[in-house]
Protein backbone atom coordinates (compact mmCIF):
# COMPACT_ATOMS: atom_id res chain seq x y z
CA MET A 1 62.33 -10.58 -42.78
CA PRO A 2 59.47 -10.84 -40.36
CA SER A 3 55.76 -10.13 -41.92
CA THR A 4 54.19 -7.06 -40.58
CA VAL A 5 50.79 -9.41 -41.28
CA ILE A 6 51.55 -13.03 -40.74
CA HIS A 7 52.69 -14.14 -37.50
CA SER A 8 52.94 -17.78 -37.88
CA PHE A 9 51.78 -20.69 -40.33
CA VAL A 10 52.06 -24.53 -40.43
CA HIS A 11 51.10 -26.76 -43.24
CA ASP A 12 49.88 -30.27 -42.92
CA HIS A 13 51.23 -32.12 -45.98
CA ASP A 14 49.09 -35.09 -45.55
CA SER A 15 45.82 -33.02 -45.26
CA LYS A 16 47.12 -30.09 -47.39
CA LYS A 17 45.95 -27.60 -44.83
CA LEU A 18 47.77 -24.53 -44.01
CA THR A 19 47.13 -22.94 -40.80
CA ILE A 20 47.98 -19.05 -40.68
CA THR A 21 48.04 -17.01 -37.58
CA PHE A 22 47.72 -13.16 -38.08
CA VAL A 23 49.68 -10.78 -35.78
CA SER A 24 46.11 -9.68 -34.88
CA GLY A 25 45.81 -13.09 -33.53
CA ILE A 26 43.07 -14.71 -35.57
CA LYS A 27 43.51 -18.06 -37.18
CA TYR A 28 42.64 -19.56 -40.43
CA GLU A 29 42.74 -22.71 -42.00
CA TYR A 30 43.04 -22.99 -45.79
CA LYS A 31 42.21 -26.24 -47.69
CA ASN A 32 43.99 -28.37 -50.31
CA ILE A 33 47.17 -25.92 -50.40
CA PRO A 34 49.47 -27.98 -52.75
CA LEU A 35 53.03 -28.56 -51.18
CA ARG A 36 54.70 -26.29 -54.00
CA VAL A 37 52.41 -23.41 -53.11
CA TYR A 38 53.65 -23.86 -49.46
CA GLN A 39 56.93 -23.86 -50.30
CA MET A 40 57.03 -20.68 -52.17
CA PHE A 41 54.86 -19.07 -49.72
CA LYS A 42 57.48 -20.28 -47.08
CA ALA A 43 60.29 -18.96 -49.37
CA ALA A 44 58.73 -15.74 -50.22
CA GLY A 45 60.32 -12.46 -49.02
CA SER A 46 56.99 -11.02 -48.72
CA LYS A 47 54.81 -13.33 -46.82
CA GLY A 48 51.86 -10.86 -46.87
CA ARG A 49 52.49 -10.07 -50.56
CA TYR A 50 52.49 -13.79 -51.38
CA PHE A 51 49.32 -14.67 -49.24
CA ASN A 52 47.46 -11.89 -51.06
CA HIS A 53 48.26 -12.81 -54.67
CA TYR A 54 48.35 -16.78 -54.59
CA ILE A 55 46.41 -18.06 -51.63
CA LYS A 56 43.71 -15.59 -50.37
CA GLY A 57 40.50 -16.02 -52.36
CA LYS A 58 41.76 -18.83 -54.31
CA TYR A 59 41.23 -21.76 -51.53
CA LYS A 60 38.61 -22.82 -49.27
CA TYR A 61 39.21 -21.63 -45.52
CA LYS A 62 37.63 -21.49 -42.27
CA ARG A 63 38.35 -19.05 -39.42
CA LEU A 64 39.54 -21.32 -36.26
CA LYS A 65 38.82 -20.26 -32.72
CA THR A 66 41.76 -19.07 -30.70
């Protein structure tokens, strides 16, 4: 099921960075995301709900220029 909040995401396993593009077009890079957290995020039925509970506010991030 497509997310109404998250457009796309990619995880760099080496650097542990998760880049999320929201439907608004804004991109954020989250740091030190464990592979297991990424795998659970990828498998989640609701990406937005998983993001809000397990990623948002728990990892350092920065907004990327689009």
